[in-house]
């Protein structure tokens, strides 16, 4: 089942990026996607971490929320830098995610949001660098942690 999901994802991405839909080119695309799935299966790369199928139903909603947060943080970061009110801090937070994929998604979401960087993950404790305490408060309020937990399929 996961092999089929990987093939479908790869082929859809190939179709979107190719832009050529002749029989020969499409056949070569199918062959290359099949080869990639075969190699991934032989290398034991198709597992819950390599292809988190449980994320798929919720991923669009999460990405829309994350893009909104990135835009808001971009504005806040630019404003902070222009005003010169930079007071960096490093703090730790506890994550609620149970899977490695969930923890990595949470750390990447923190880092993608301007003004904050996840610098270290040790068990369930994340070390975060923030440009100032306002950005730190945004991470500490736990909204992103809850969103990633929801994305993971847990409440």
C-alpha atoms as a PDB file:
ATOM      1  CA  UNK A   1       0.000   0.000   0.000  1.00  0.00           C
ATOM      2  CA  UNK A   2       2.793   2.434   0.889  1.00  0.00           C
ATOM      3  CA  UNK A   3       4.606   1.517  -2.316  1.00  0.00           C
ATOM      4  CA  UNK A   4       1.517   2.456  -4.297  1.00  0.00           C
ATOM      5  CA  UNK A   5       1.167   5.729  -2.360  1.00  0.00           C
ATOM      6  CA  UNK A   6       4.822   6.549  -3.041  1.00  0.00           C
ATOM      7  CA  UNK A   7       4.388   5.789  -6.750  1.00  0.00           C
ATOM      8  CA  UNK A   8       1.298   8.003  -6.981  1.00  0.00           C
ATOM      9  CA  UNK A   9       3.044  10.882  -5.196  1.00  0.00           C
ATOM     10  CA  UNK A  10       6.150  10.582  -7.353  1.00  0.00           C
ATOM     11  CA  UNK A  11       4.143  10.355 -10.572  1.00  0.00           C
ATOM     12  CA  UNK A  12       1.942  13.337  -9.716  1.00  0.00           C
ATOM     13  CA  UNK A  13       5.041  15.395  -8.904  1.00  0.00           C
ATOM     14  CA  UNK A  14       6.660  14.194 -12.128  1.00  0.00           C
ATOM     15  CA  UNK A  15       3.590  15.202 -14.140  1.00  0.00           C
ATOM     16  CA  UNK A  16       3.436  18.629 -12.511  1.00  0.00           C
ATOM     17  CA  UNK A  17       7.119  19.335 -13.092  1.00  0.00           C
ATOM     18  CA  UNK A  18       7.448  17.760 -16.539  1.00  0.00           C
ATOM     19  CA  UNK A  19       4.956  19.748 -18.564  1.00  0.00           C
ATOM     20  CA  UNK A  20       5.281  17.245 -21.445  1.00  0.00           C
ATOM     21  CA  UNK A  21       2.500  14.725 -21.877  1.00  0.00           C
ATOM     22  CA  UNK A  22       3.325  12.759 -25.015  1.00  0.00           C
ATOM     23  CA  UNK A  23       3.051   8.988 -24.863  1.00  0.00           C
ATOM     24  CA  UNK A  24       6.828   8.450 -24.915  1.00  0.00           C
ATOM     25  CA  UNK A  25       7.637  11.018 -22.250  1.00  0.00           C
ATOM     26  CA  UNK A  26       4.794   9.886 -19.971  1.00  0.00           C
ATOM     27  CA  UNK A  27       5.897   6.240 -20.388  1.00  0.00           C
ATOM     28  CA  UNK A  28       9.435   7.186 -19.393  1.00  0.00           C
ATOM     29  CA  UNK A  29       8.038   9.048 -16.385  1.00  0.00           C
ATOM     30  CA  UNK A  30       6.090   5.976 -15.303  1.00  0.00           C
ATOM     31  CA  UNK A  31       9.183   3.820 -15.747  1.00  0.00           C
ATOM     32  CA  UNK A  32      11.368   6.191 -13.723  1.00  0.00           C
ATOM     33  CA  UNK A  33       8.787   6.384 -10.902  1.00  0.00           C
ATOM     34  CA  UNK A  34       8.508   2.576 -10.858  1.00  0.00           C
ATOM     35  CA  UNK A  35      12.303   2.320 -10.690  1.00  0.00           C
ATOM     36  CA  UNK A  36      12.416   4.772  -7.767  1.00  0.00           C
ATOM     37  CA  UNK A  37       9.751   2.820  -5.864  1.00  0.00           C
ATOM     38  CA  UNK A  38      11.567  -0.463  -6.581  1.00  0.00           C
ATOM     39  CA  UNK A  39      14.873   0.946  -5.301  1.00  0.00           C
ATOM     40  CA  UNK A  40      13.209   2.472  -2.234  1.00  0.00           C
ATOM     41  CA  UNK A  41      11.557  -0.861  -1.441  1.00  0.00           C
ATOM     42  CA  UNK A  42      14.830  -2.774  -1.893  1.00  0.00           C
ATOM     43  CA  UNK A  43      16.605  -0.316   0.404  1.00  0.00           C
ATOM     44  CA  UNK A  44      13.843  -0.633   3.051  1.00  0.00           C
ATOM     45  CA  UNK A  45      13.102   3.090   2.879  1.00  0.00           C
ATOM     46  CA  UNK A  46       9.333   2.767   2.705  1.00  0.00           C
ATOM     47  CA  UNK A  47       8.217   2.854   6.323  1.00  0.00           C
ATOM     48  CA  UNK A  48       6.210   5.119   8.634  1.00  0.00           C
ATOM     49  CA  UNK A  49       9.043   7.627   8.861  1.00  0.00           C
ATOM     50  CA  UNK A  50      10.009   7.611   5.204  1.00  0.00           C
ATOM     51  CA  UNK A  51       6.416   7.952   4.002  1.00  0.00           C
ATOM     52  CA  UNK A  52       4.149   9.202   6.810  1.00  0.00           C
ATOM     53  CA  UNK A  53       0.828   8.374   5.129  1.00  0.00           C
ATOM     54  CA  UNK A  54      -1.066   9.343   8.290  1.00  0.00           C
ATOM     55  CA  UNK A  55      -0.070  13.000   7.665  1.00  0.00           C
ATOM     56  CA  UNK A  56      -1.697  13.187   4.221  1.00  0.00           C
ATOM     57  CA  UNK A  57      -5.325  13.903   5.196  1.00  0.00           C
ATOM     58  CA  UNK A  58      -4.312  16.855   7.387  1.00  0.00           C
ATOM     59  CA  UNK A  59      -1.240  18.195   5.572  1.00  0.00           C
ATOM     60  CA  UNK A  60      -2.991  20.849   3.433  1.00  0.00           C
ATOM     61  CA  UNK A  61      -4.670  22.445   6.440  1.00  0.00           C
ATOM     62  CA  UNK A  62      -1.414  22.387   8.413  1.00  0.00           C
ATOM     63  CA  UNK A  63       0.623  23.880   5.558  1.00  0.00           C
ATOM     64  CA  UNK A  64      -1.891  26.703   5.098  1.00  0.00           C
ATOM     65  CA  UNK A  65      -1.666  27.485   8.817  1.00  0.00           C
ATOM     66  CA  UNK A  66       2.166  27.273   8.711  1.00  0.00           C
ATOM     67  CA  UNK A  67       2.390  29.589   5.675  1.00  0.00           C
ATOM     68  CA  UNK A  68       0.195  32.114   7.497  1.00  0.00           C
ATOM     69  CA  UNK A  69       2.509  31.925  10.531  1.00  0.00           C
ATOM     70  CA  UNK A  70       5.587  32.333   8.337  1.00  0.00           C
ATOM     71  CA  UNK A  71       4.142  35.475   6.727  1.00  0.00           C
ATOM     72  CA  UNK A  72       3.210  36.963  10.123  1.00  0.00           C
ATOM     73  CA  UNK A  73       6.661  36.118  11.519  1.00  0.00           C
ATOM     74  CA  UNK A  74       8.389  37.612   8.464  1.00  0.00           C
ATOM     75  CA  UNK A  75       6.637  40.895   9.124  1.00  0.00           C
ATOM     76  CA  UNK A  76       7.453  40.776  12.859  1.00  0.00           C
ATOM     77  CA  UNK A  77      11.081  39.849  12.215  1.00  0.00           C
ATOM     78  CA  UNK A  78      11.550  42.683   9.721  1.00  0.00           C
ATOM     79  CA  UNK A  79       9.919  45.133  12.140  1.00  0.00           C
ATOM     80  CA  UNK A  80      12.148  43.933  14.997  1.00  0.00           C
ATOM     81  CA  UNK A  81      15.314  44.266  12.922  1.00  0.00           C
ATOM     82  CA  UNK A  82      14.389  47.706  11.570  1.00  0.00           C
ATOM     83  CA  UNK A  83      13.530  48.972  15.063  1.00  0.00           C
ATOM     84  CA  UNK A  84      16.725  47.457  16.465  1.00  0.00           C
ATOM     85  CA  UNK A  85      14.899  45.753  19.351  1.00  0.00           C
ATOM     86  CA  UNK A  86      16.890  42.538  19.173  1.00  0.00           C
ATOM     87  CA  UNK A  87      17.270  40.761  22.505  1.00  0.00           C
ATOM     88  CA  UNK A  88      18.084  37.121  21.678  1.00  0.00           C
ATOM     89  CA  UNK A  89      17.277  34.311  24.047  1.00  0.00           C
ATOM     90  CA  UNK A  90      17.782  30.567  24.188  1.00  0.00           C
ATOM     91  CA  UNK A  91      15.222  28.452  25.999  1.00  0.00           C
ATOM     92  CA  UNK A  92      13.958  24.884  26.140  1.00  0.00           C
ATOM     93  CA  UNK A  93      10.486  23.515  25.550  1.00  0.00           C
ATOM     94  CA  UNK A  94       8.969  20.068  25.872  1.00  0.00           C
ATOM     95  CA  UNK A  95       7.353  18.571  22.797  1.00  0.00           C
ATOM     96  CA  UNK A  96       4.236  16.413  22.884  1.00  0.00           C
ATOM     97  CA  UNK A  97       4.987  14.448  19.725  1.00  0.00           C
ATOM     98  CA  UNK A  98       5.485  10.711  20.079  1.00  0.00           C
ATOM     99  CA  UNK A  99       6.944   9.780  16.687  1.00  0.00           C
ATOM    100  CA  UNK A 100      10.303  10.853  15.312  1.00  0.00           C
ATOM    101  CA  UNK A 101       8.536  12.266  12.247  1.00  0.00           C
ATOM    102  CA  UNK A 102       6.343  14.417  14.495  1.00  0.00           C
ATOM    103  CA  UNK A 103       9.350  15.742  16.427  1.00  0.00           C
ATOM    104  CA  UNK A 104      11.244  16.564  13.239  1.00  0.00           C
ATOM    105  CA  UNK A 105       8.154  18.243  11.765  1.00  0.00           C
ATOM    106  CA  UNK A 106       7.802  20.343  14.916  1.00  0.00           C
ATOM    107  CA  UNK A 107      11.497  21.320  14.924  1.00  0.00           C
ATOM    108  CA  UNK A 108      11.381  22.184  11.214  1.00  0.00           C
ATOM    109  CA  UNK A 109       8.213  24.242  11.722  1.00  0.00           C
ATOM    110  CA  UNK A 110       9.929  26.217  14.485  1.00  0.00           C
ATOM    111  CA  UNK A 111      12.949  26.810  12.261  1.00  0.00           C
ATOM    112  CA  UNK A 112      10.865  27.745   9.207  1.00  0.00           C
ATOM    113  CA  UNK A 113       9.129  30.457  11.194  1.00  0.00           C
ATOM    114  CA  UNK A 114      11.405  33.542  11.001  1.00  0.00           C
ATOM    115  CA  UNK A 115      12.865  34.715  14.285  1.00  0.00           C
ATOM    116  CA  UNK A 116      13.170  31.243  15.814  1.00  0.00           C
ATOM    117  CA  UNK A 117      15.493  28.292  15.270  1.00  0.00           C
ATOM    118  CA  UNK A 118      15.350  24.849  16.864  1.00  0.00           C
ATOM    119  CA  UNK A 119      19.022  24.262  17.686  1.00  0.00           C
ATOM    120  CA  UNK A 120      18.913  20.911  19.443  1.00  0.00           C
ATOM    121  CA  UNK A 121      16.546  18.011  20.088  1.00  0.00           C
ATOM    122  CA  UNK A 122      17.212  15.674  22.982  1.00  0.00           C
ATOM    123  CA  UNK A 123      14.436  13.172  23.698  1.00  0.00           C
ATOM    124  CA  UNK A 124      11.342  15.397  24.090  1.00  0.00           C
ATOM    125  CA  UNK A 125      13.233  18.592  24.949  1.00  0.00           C
ATOM    126  CA  UNK A 126      13.896  21.166  22.222  1.00  0.00           C
ATOM    127  CA  UNK A 127      16.412  23.962  22.560  1.00  0.00           C
ATOM    128  CA  UNK A 128      15.184  27.040  20.707  1.00  0.00           C
ATOM    129  CA  UNK A 129      16.931  30.304  19.844  1.00  0.00           C
ATOM    130  CA  UNK A 130      14.630  33.297  19.449  1.00  0.00           C
ATOM    131  CA  UNK A 131      15.425  36.762  18.126  1.00  0.00           C
ATOM    132  CA  UNK A 132      13.630  38.304  21.110  1.00  0.00           C
ATOM    133  CA  UNK A 133      11.235  37.239  23.859  1.00  0.00           C
ATOM    134  CA  UNK A 134       8.134  37.921  21.722  1.00  0.00           C
ATOM    135  CA  UNK A 135       9.205  35.212  19.293  1.00  0.00           C
ATOM    136  CA  UNK A 136      10.005  32.947  22.229  1.00  0.00           C
ATOM    137  CA  UNK A 137       6.530  33.526  23.655  1.00  0.00           C
ATOM    138  CA  UNK A 138       5.025  32.489  20.298  1.00  0.00           C
ATOM    139  CA  UNK A 139       6.797  29.126  20.599  1.00  0.00           C
ATOM    140  CA  UNK A 140       6.141  28.722  24.331  1.00  0.00           C
ATOM    141  CA  UNK A 141       2.373  29.260  23.965  1.00  0.00           C
ATOM    142  CA  UNK A 142       2.160  25.717  22.535  1.00  0.00           C
ATOM    143  CA  UNK A 143      -0.042  26.435  19.516  1.00  0.00           C
ATOM    144  CA  UNK A 144       2.451  24.973  17.041  1.00  0.00           C
ATOM    145  CA  UNK A 145       2.994  21.942  19.275  1.00  0.00           C
ATOM    146  CA  UNK A 146      -0.762  21.285  19.268  1.00  0.00           C
ATOM    147  CA  UNK A 147      -0.978  21.740  15.492  1.00  0.00           C
ATOM    148  CA  UNK A 148       1.832  19.234  14.865  1.00  0.00           C
ATOM    149  CA  UNK A 149       0.237  16.825  17.341  1.00  0.00           C
ATOM    150  CA  UNK A 150      -3.018  17.171  15.374  1.00  0.00           C
ATOM    151  CA  UNK A 151      -1.091  16.613  12.123  1.00  0.00           C
ATOM    152  CA  UNK A 152       0.375  13.471  13.656  1.00  0.00           C
ATOM    153  CA  UNK A 153      -3.171  12.242  14.245  1.00  0.00           C
ATOM    154  CA  UNK A 154      -3.172  12.522  18.017  1.00  0.00           C
ATOM    155  CA  UNK A 155      -4.973  14.960  20.298  1.00  0.00           C
END
